[in-house]
Amino acid sequence: MSVDVVTVPPETPVVAIARLLAERGISAVPVLDHDGRLRGIVTEADLIRRLAGAEDRPAGWLRRLFADAATEAERYARTHGATASDVMTEQLVTVTPGTTATHVAHLLEEMGIRRVLVVEDGKLRGLVSRADLLRALVAPPEPAHGLSDGRIRAAVLAQMRKQPWADTFSTMVEVQGGTVTFHGFVRSEAARRALRVLAENIPGVTKVVDETQPMPAYLSVAA
C-alpha cells in the first residue's frame, strides 16, 4: 500500500482540492477530521459531479411529486457544495493492514472502484490503488532461504543497530516459526511502522507481530 497519502480536512474548498489533484497528479484525497478520523474521500468523479451540477435544471412537477426529498437534498448538497465535507463520498470501501492483495483485487473488481483505503482503529494507514496491485503482481517472488529462527533474529537485530530510529535496548525481538514479534517500547508511530518494514525485508520472515507500547515519558527523558 501507499503510506504517504495526501489528505485534506473537511472544510477544504472544492477549488483547492481540484488544484491539489491536478498539481500532484493524483485522483483522490481522503478527508480526515481534526482527530485524524476518516470522514470520507473526494475523488475526481465527485468533482466532476460537482461541476456538472452547475447546469442542473429545476426539477419538473412530476419529478418533484415522486422524488424522495432526503435523496434530492443530499444530491443538491453534493452538486452545489463548496467544501470537501459537502461533496465527499462517505460510503467508503476500506480494508485492514492485514488484508491480502487478492482480496483487495476482488473488491476493486466487484465494486468497480479504483482504490481502497487501509484503516485501523478508525485511523487511515494508507491506500491501495490498482497501480499498487500491479506493482505487487510484477514484483519477483521472495526466495525461500530456510533460515533458522535464531539467524532471522540476529539479522533483524543487526539491521536495527544500523538505524538511528531503532532502539535495541527498549525494543525486544522474538522469532518463532519465521514470525517476528516486537515487544517493549517504541518512540513513535513512524518507528513502529519502520520496524515492521525492516522485519518484512529480512529473508525467511513470514509474519510480523507488533506488541510494542509507546515510550513512557520517564524513559524518553532518561534517554
C-alpha atoms as a PDB file:
ATOM      1  CA  MET A   1       0.000   0.000   0.000  1.00  0.00           C
ATOM      2  CA  SER A   2       0.972   3.635  -0.337  1.00  0.00           C
ATOM      3  CA  VAL A   3       1.514   5.179   3.104  1.00  0.00           C
ATOM      4  CA  ASP A   4       2.361   8.721   2.011  1.00  0.00           C
ATOM      5  CA  VAL A   5      -1.251   9.670   1.303  1.00  0.00           C
ATOM      6  CA  VAL A   6      -2.264  13.293   0.674  1.00  0.00           C
ATOM      7  CA  THR A   7      -5.250  14.173   2.879  1.00  0.00           C
ATOM      8  CA  VAL A   8      -7.434  17.233   3.458  1.00  0.00           C
ATOM      9  CA  PRO A   9      -9.651  18.482   6.318  1.00  0.00           C
ATOM     10  CA  PRO A  10     -13.447  18.669   5.848  1.00  0.00           C
ATOM     11  CA  GLU A  11     -13.517  22.453   5.366  1.00  0.00           C
ATOM     12  CA  THR A  12     -11.093  22.477   2.400  1.00  0.00           C
ATOM     13  CA  PRO A  13     -12.592  24.411  -0.551  1.00  0.00           C
ATOM     14  CA  VAL A  14     -13.525  22.373  -3.622  1.00  0.00           C
ATOM     15  CA  VAL A  15     -11.402  24.641  -5.828  1.00  0.00           C
ATOM     16  CA  ALA A  16      -8.342  23.941  -3.663  1.00  0.00           C
ATOM     17  CA  ILE A  17      -8.944  20.194  -3.896  1.00  0.00           C
ATOM     18  CA  ALA A  18      -9.222  20.341  -7.689  1.00  0.00           C
ATOM     19  CA  ARG A  19      -5.934  22.249  -7.840  1.00  0.00           C
ATOM     20  CA  LEU A  20      -4.311  19.735  -5.478  1.00  0.00           C
ATOM     21  CA  LEU A  21      -5.338  16.752  -7.617  1.00  0.00           C
ATOM     22  CA  ALA A  22      -4.077  18.433 -10.777  1.00  0.00           C
ATOM     23  CA  GLU A  23      -0.740  19.532  -9.306  1.00  0.00           C
ATOM     24  CA  ARG A  24       0.033  16.246  -7.541  1.00  0.00           C
ATOM     25  CA  GLY A  25      -1.173  14.034 -10.379  1.00  0.00           C
ATOM     26  CA  ILE A  26      -3.481  12.062  -8.074  1.00  0.00           C
ATOM     27  CA  SER A  27      -7.128  11.104  -8.475  1.00  0.00           C
ATOM     28  CA  ALA A  28      -8.478  11.284  -4.919  1.00  0.00           C
ATOM     29  CA  VAL A  29      -7.817  12.627  -1.426  1.00  0.00           C
ATOM     30  CA  PRO A  30      -9.151  11.151   1.829  1.00  0.00           C
ATOM     31  CA  VAL A  31     -10.888  13.582   4.182  1.00  0.00           C
ATOM     32  CA  LEU A  32      -9.769  13.438   7.832  1.00  0.00           C
ATOM     33  CA  ASP A  33     -11.263  15.317  10.761  1.00  0.00           C
ATOM     34  CA  HIS A  34      -9.109  17.139  13.299  1.00  0.00           C
ATOM     35  CA  ASP A  35      -8.723  13.959  15.380  1.00  0.00           C
ATOM     36  CA  GLY A  36      -7.354  12.062  12.394  1.00  0.00           C
ATOM     37  CA  ARG A  37     -10.544  10.065  11.897  1.00  0.00           C
ATOM     38  CA  LEU A  38     -11.513   9.157   8.350  1.00  0.00           C
ATOM     39  CA  ARG A  39     -14.627  11.037   7.250  1.00  0.00           C
ATOM     40  CA  GLY A  40     -14.773  10.334   3.506  1.00  0.00           C
ATOM     41  CA  ILE A  41     -12.920  10.729   0.243  1.00  0.00           C
ATOM     42  CA  VAL A  42     -13.089  13.281  -2.572  1.00  0.00           C
ATOM     43  CA  THR A  43     -12.423  11.741  -5.988  1.00  0.00           C
ATOM     44  CA  GLU A  44     -12.211  13.126  -9.490  1.00  0.00           C
ATOM     45  CA  ALA A  45     -15.730  11.746 -10.027  1.00  0.00           C
ATOM     46  CA  ASP A  46     -17.029  13.789  -7.074  1.00  0.00           C
ATOM     47  CA  LEU A  47     -15.521  16.966  -8.513  1.00  0.00           C
ATOM     48  CA  ILE A  48     -16.886  16.266 -11.991  1.00  0.00           C
ATOM     49  CA  ARG A  49     -20.312  15.649 -10.457  1.00  0.00           C
ATOM     50  CA  ARG A  50     -19.970  18.988  -8.662  1.00  0.00           C
ATOM     51  CA  LEU A  51     -19.013  20.733 -11.921  1.00  0.00           C
ATOM     52  CA  ALA A  52     -21.870  19.125 -13.867  1.00  0.00           C
ATOM     53  CA  GLY A  53     -24.342  20.170 -11.171  1.00  0.00           C
ATOM     54  CA  ALA A  54     -23.866  23.794 -12.195  1.00  0.00           C
ATOM     55  CA  GLU A  55     -26.078  23.127 -15.232  1.00  0.00           C
ATOM     56  CA  ASP A  56     -28.836  21.259 -13.410  1.00  0.00           C
ATOM     57  CA  ARG A  57     -32.272  22.469 -14.369  1.00  0.00           C
ATOM     58  CA  PRO A  58     -35.063  22.932 -11.823  1.00  0.00           C
ATOM     59  CA  ALA A  59     -36.970  19.690 -11.282  1.00  0.00           C
ATOM     60  CA  GLY A  60     -40.309  19.422 -13.049  1.00  0.00           C
ATOM     61  CA  TRP A  61     -43.548  18.896 -11.158  1.00  0.00           C
ATOM     62  CA  LEU A  62     -43.603  15.157 -11.985  1.00  0.00           C
ATOM     63  CA  ARG A  63     -40.123  14.600 -10.610  1.00  0.00           C
ATOM     64  CA  ARG A  64     -40.941  16.633  -7.500  1.00  0.00           C
ATOM     65  CA  LEU A  65     -44.078  14.541  -6.989  1.00  0.00           C
ATOM     66  CA  PHE A  66     -42.296  11.188  -6.885  1.00  0.00           C
ATOM     67  CA  ALA A  67     -38.806  12.140  -5.741  1.00  0.00           C
ATOM     68  CA  ASP A  68     -37.548  11.360  -2.256  1.00  0.00           C
ATOM     69  CA  ALA A  69     -36.927  14.675  -0.509  1.00  0.00           C
ATOM     70  CA  ALA A  70     -33.937  13.456   1.512  1.00  0.00           C
ATOM     71  CA  THR A  71     -32.243  11.994  -1.581  1.00  0.00           C
ATOM     72  CA  GLU A  72     -32.815  15.165  -3.570  1.00  0.00           C
ATOM     73  CA  ALA A  73     -31.453  17.289  -0.731  1.00  0.00           C
ATOM     74  CA  GLU A  74     -28.310  15.152  -0.488  1.00  0.00           C
ATOM     75  CA  ARG A  75     -27.798  15.349  -4.246  1.00  0.00           C
ATOM     76  CA  TYR A  76     -28.174  19.133  -4.191  1.00  0.00           C
ATOM     77  CA  ALA A  77     -25.577  19.453  -1.415  1.00  0.00           C
ATOM     78  CA  ARG A  78     -23.107  17.230  -3.292  1.00  0.00           C
ATOM     79  CA  THR A  79     -23.523  19.048  -6.609  1.00  0.00           C
ATOM     80  CA  HIS A  80     -23.524  22.580  -5.211  1.00  0.00           C
ATOM     81  CA  GLY A  81     -21.306  22.271  -2.120  1.00  0.00           C
ATOM     82  CA  ALA A  82     -18.206  24.393  -1.696  1.00  0.00           C
ATOM     83  CA  THR A  83     -16.135  22.248   0.692  1.00  0.00           C
ATOM     84  CA  ALA A  84     -14.799  18.710   0.975  1.00  0.00           C
ATOM     85  CA  SER A  85     -17.444  17.746   3.529  1.00  0.00           C
ATOM     86  CA  ASP A  86     -20.184  18.760   1.073  1.00  0.00           C
ATOM     87  CA  VAL A  87     -19.010  16.801  -1.969  1.00  0.00           C
ATOM     88  CA  MET A  88     -17.086  13.864  -0.496  1.00  0.00           C
ATOM     89  CA  THR A  89     -18.135  10.236  -0.784  1.00  0.00           C
ATOM     90  CA  GLU A  90     -18.956   8.913   2.671  1.00  0.00           C
ATOM     91  CA  GLN A  91     -19.816   5.306   1.784  1.00  0.00           C
ATOM     92  CA  LEU A  92     -16.251   4.013   1.782  1.00  0.00           C
ATOM     93  CA  VAL A  93     -14.755   0.670   0.908  1.00  0.00           C
ATOM     94  CA  THR A  94     -11.995   0.009   3.431  1.00  0.00           C
ATOM     95  CA  VAL A  95      -9.630  -2.810   4.346  1.00  0.00           C
ATOM     96  CA  THR A  96      -7.246  -3.503   7.224  1.00  0.00           C
ATOM     97  CA  PRO A  97      -3.432  -3.657   7.018  1.00  0.00           C
ATOM     98  CA  GLY A  98      -3.651  -7.457   7.080  1.00  0.00           C
ATOM     99  CA  THR A  99      -5.978  -7.778   4.078  1.00  0.00           C
ATOM    100  CA  THR A 100      -4.447  -9.830   1.269  1.00  0.00           C
ATOM    101  CA  ALA A 101      -3.720  -8.353  -2.147  1.00  0.00           C
ATOM    102  CA  THR A 102      -6.022 -10.990  -3.645  1.00  0.00           C
ATOM    103  CA  HIS A 103      -8.981  -9.783  -1.582  1.00  0.00           C
ATOM    104  CA  VAL A 104      -8.232  -6.145  -2.400  1.00  0.00           C
ATOM    105  CA  ALA A 105      -8.202  -7.009  -6.101  1.00  0.00           C
ATOM    106  CA  HIS A 106     -11.551  -8.774  -5.674  1.00  0.00           C
ATOM    107  CA  LEU A 107     -13.041  -5.684  -4.016  1.00  0.00           C
ATOM    108  CA  LEU A 108     -11.813  -3.353  -6.749  1.00  0.00           C
ATOM    109  CA  GLU A 109     -13.271  -5.618  -9.421  1.00  0.00           C
ATOM    110  CA  GLU A 110     -16.552  -6.323  -7.643  1.00  0.00           C
ATOM    111  CA  MET A 111     -17.225  -2.740  -6.579  1.00  0.00           C
ATOM    112  CA  GLY A 112     -15.945  -1.143  -9.784  1.00  0.00           C
ATOM    113  CA  ILE A 113     -13.661   1.218  -7.871  1.00  0.00           C
ATOM    114  CA  ARG A 114     -10.073   2.386  -8.354  1.00  0.00           C
ATOM    115  CA  ARG A 115      -8.792   2.287  -4.792  1.00  0.00           C
ATOM    116  CA  VAL A 116      -9.475   1.136  -1.229  1.00  0.00           C
ATOM    117  CA  LEU A 117      -8.457   2.869   1.964  1.00  0.00           C
ATOM    118  CA  VAL A 118      -6.493   0.979   4.596  1.00  0.00           C
ATOM    119  CA  VAL A 119      -7.964   1.723   8.029  1.00  0.00           C
ATOM    120  CA  GLU A 120      -7.063   0.507  11.505  1.00  0.00           C
ATOM    121  CA  ASP A 121      -8.944   1.579  14.654  1.00  0.00           C
ATOM    122  CA  GLY A 122     -10.684   4.301  12.667  1.00  0.00           C
ATOM    123  CA  LYS A 123      -7.402   5.835  11.531  1.00  0.00           C
ATOM    124  CA  LEU A 124      -6.134   5.975   7.961  1.00  0.00           C
ATOM    125  CA  ARG A 125      -2.991   3.867   7.493  1.00  0.00           C
ATOM    126  CA  GLY A 126      -2.641   4.029   3.731  1.00  0.00           C
ATOM    127  CA  LEU A 127      -4.228   3.476   0.361  1.00  0.00           C
ATOM    128  CA  VAL A 128      -4.127   0.606  -2.127  1.00  0.00           C
ATOM    129  CA  SER A 129      -4.779   1.530  -5.743  1.00  0.00           C
ATOM    130  CA  ARG A 130      -4.883  -0.513  -8.915  1.00  0.00           C
ATOM    131  CA  ALA A 131      -1.349   0.683  -9.642  1.00  0.00           C
ATOM    132  CA  ASP A 132      -0.159  -0.678  -6.274  1.00  0.00           C
ATOM    133  CA  LEU A 133      -1.629  -4.085  -7.099  1.00  0.00           C
ATOM    134  CA  LEU A 134       0.052  -4.101 -10.494  1.00  0.00           C
ATOM    135  CA  ARG A 135       3.412  -3.358  -8.877  1.00  0.00           C
ATOM    136  CA  ALA A 136       2.870  -6.258  -6.468  1.00  0.00           C
ATOM    137  CA  LEU A 137       1.956  -8.530  -9.374  1.00  0.00           C
ATOM    138  CA  VAL A 138       5.185  -7.924 -11.276  1.00  0.00           C
ATOM    139  CA  ALA A 139       7.438  -7.986  -8.200  1.00  0.00           C
ATOM    140  CA  PRO A 140       9.751 -11.018  -8.149  1.00  0.00           C
ATOM    141  CA  PRO A 141       8.788 -13.728  -5.632  1.00  0.00           C
ATOM    142  CA  GLU A 142      10.710 -13.869  -2.380  1.00  0.00           C
ATOM    143  CA  PRO A 143      13.276 -16.675  -2.364  1.00  0.00           C
ATOM    144  CA  ALA A 144      12.903 -19.412   0.208  1.00  0.00           C
ATOM    145  CA  HIS A 145      16.070 -19.281   2.298  1.00  0.00           C
ATOM    146  CA  GLY A 146      15.016 -21.671   5.044  1.00  0.00           C
ATOM    147  CA  LEU A 147      16.791 -19.615   7.720  1.00  0.00           C
ATOM    148  CA  SER A 148      16.530 -20.701  11.328  1.00  0.00           C
ATOM    149  CA  ASP A 149      14.677 -18.533  13.835  1.00  0.00           C
ATOM    150  CA  GLY A 150      17.967 -17.721  15.533  1.00  0.00           C
ATOM    151  CA  ARG A 151      19.536 -16.454  12.304  1.00  0.00           C
ATOM    152  CA  ILE A 152      16.425 -14.433  11.468  1.00  0.00           C
ATOM    153  CA  ARG A 153      16.501 -12.795  14.922  1.00  0.00           C
ATOM    154  CA  ALA A 154      20.199 -12.000  14.538  1.00  0.00           C
ATOM    155  CA  ALA A 155      19.531 -10.457  11.122  1.00  0.00           C
ATOM    156  CA  VAL A 156      16.696  -8.299  12.481  1.00  0.00           C
ATOM    157  CA  LEU A 157      18.823  -7.044  15.381  1.00  0.00           C
ATOM    158  CA  ALA A 158      21.745  -6.354  13.058  1.00  0.00           C
ATOM    159  CA  GLN A 159      19.558  -4.211  10.820  1.00  0.00           C
ATOM    160  CA  MET A 160      18.056  -2.408  13.837  1.00  0.00           C
ATOM    161  CA  ARG A 161      21.524  -1.448  15.078  1.00  0.00           C
ATOM    162  CA  LYS A 162      22.177   0.271  11.746  1.00  0.00           C
ATOM    163  CA  GLN A 163      19.131   2.525  12.053  1.00  0.00           C
ATOM    164  CA  PRO A 164      19.206   5.709  14.179  1.00  0.00           C
ATOM    165  CA  TRP A 165      15.462   5.458  14.863  1.00  0.00           C
ATOM    166  CA  ALA A 166      15.613   1.863  16.187  1.00  0.00           C
ATOM    167  CA  ASP A 167      16.273   1.142  19.869  1.00  0.00           C
ATOM    168  CA  THR A 168      17.512  -2.377  20.628  1.00  0.00           C
ATOM    169  CA  PHE A 169      17.570  -1.544  24.358  1.00  0.00           C
ATOM    170  CA  SER A 170      13.864  -0.680  24.667  1.00  0.00           C
ATOM    171  CA  THR A 171      12.549  -2.846  21.810  1.00  0.00           C
ATOM    172  CA  MET A 172      12.922  -6.612  22.111  1.00  0.00           C
ATOM    173  CA  VAL A 173      12.739  -9.159  19.291  1.00  0.00           C
ATOM    174  CA  GLU A 174      11.470 -12.727  19.368  1.00  0.00           C
ATOM    175  CA  VAL A 175      11.253 -15.121  16.413  1.00  0.00           C
ATOM    176  CA  GLN A 176       9.271 -18.336  16.298  1.00  0.00           C
ATOM    177  CA  GLY A 177       8.472 -20.293  13.154  1.00  0.00           C
ATOM    178  CA  GLY A 178       9.511 -17.368  10.976  1.00  0.00           C
ATOM    179  CA  THR A 179       7.202 -14.960  12.855  1.00  0.00           C
ATOM    180  CA  VAL A 180       8.964 -11.890  14.217  1.00  0.00           C
ATOM    181  CA  THR A 181       7.368 -10.362  17.328  1.00  0.00           C
ATOM    182  CA  PHE A 182       8.416  -6.966  18.700  1.00  0.00           C
ATOM    183  CA  HIS A 183       7.962  -6.300  22.426  1.00  0.00           C
ATOM    184  CA  GLY A 184       8.812  -3.362  24.669  1.00  0.00           C
ATOM    185  CA  PHE A 185       8.637   0.290  23.710  1.00  0.00           C
ATOM    186  CA  VAL A 186       8.971   2.412  20.563  1.00  0.00           C
ATOM    187  CA  ARG A 187       9.477   6.156  20.321  1.00  0.00           C
ATOM    188  CA  SER A 188       6.890   6.919  17.637  1.00  0.00           C
ATOM    189  CA  GLU A 189       4.303   5.513  15.253  1.00  0.00           C
ATOM    190  CA  ALA A 190       6.798   6.090  12.453  1.00  0.00           C
ATOM    191  CA  ALA A 191       9.357   3.906  14.244  1.00  0.00           C
ATOM    192  CA  ARG A 192       6.728   1.192  14.771  1.00  0.00           C
ATOM    193  CA  ARG A 193       5.884   1.144  11.076  1.00  0.00           C
ATOM    194  CA  ALA A 194       9.552   1.195  10.097  1.00  0.00           C
ATOM    195  CA  LEU A 195      10.279  -1.792  12.355  1.00  0.00           C
ATOM    196  CA  ARG A 196       7.587  -3.794  10.602  1.00  0.00           C
ATOM    197  CA  VAL A 197       9.016  -2.901   7.204  1.00  0.00           C
ATOM    198  CA  LEU A 198      12.552  -3.715   8.397  1.00  0.00           C
ATOM    199  CA  ALA A 199      11.487  -7.183   9.570  1.00  0.00           C
ATOM    200  CA  GLU A 200       9.454  -7.892   6.445  1.00  0.00           C
ATOM    201  CA  ASN A 201      12.571  -7.337   4.346  1.00  0.00           C
ATOM    202  CA  ILE A 202      14.573  -9.979   6.226  1.00  0.00           C
ATOM    203  CA  PRO A 203      14.760 -13.263   4.233  1.00  0.00           C
ATOM    204  CA  GLY A 204      12.797 -16.042   5.929  1.00  0.00           C
ATOM    205  CA  VAL A 205      10.349 -13.794   7.800  1.00  0.00           C
ATOM    206  CA  THR A 206       6.785 -14.971   7.219  1.00  0.00           C
ATOM    207  CA  LYS A 207       4.884 -12.659   9.583  1.00  0.00           C
ATOM    208  CA  VAL A 208       5.467  -9.628  11.802  1.00  0.00           C
ATOM    209  CA  VAL A 209       3.583  -9.095  15.071  1.00  0.00           C
ATOM    210  CA  ASP A 210       3.780  -5.747  16.864  1.00  0.00           C
ATOM    211  CA  GLU A 211       3.171  -5.860  20.623  1.00  0.00           C
ATOM    212  CA  THR A 212       5.105  -2.701  21.470  1.00  0.00           C
ATOM    213  CA  GLN A 213       3.838   0.220  23.504  1.00  0.00           C
ATOM    214  CA  PRO A 214       4.552   3.972  23.236  1.00  0.00           C
ATOM    215  CA  MET A 215       7.722   5.038  25.009  1.00  0.00           C
ATOM    216  CA  PRO A 216       6.866   6.268  28.568  1.00  0.00           C
ATOM    217  CA  ALA A 217       7.809   9.858  29.284  1.00  0.00           C
ATOM    218  CA  TYR A 218      10.285   8.924  32.018  1.00  0.00           C
ATOM    219  CA  LEU A 219      12.187   6.606  29.682  1.00  0.00           C
ATOM    220  CA  SER A 220      12.190   9.192  26.883  1.00  0.00           C
ATOM    221  CA  VAL A 221      13.651  11.817  29.224  1.00  0.00           C
ATOM    222  CA  ALA A 222      16.224   9.356  30.563  1.00  0.00           C
ATOM    223  CA  ALA A 223      17.345   8.527  27.036  1.00  0.00           C
END
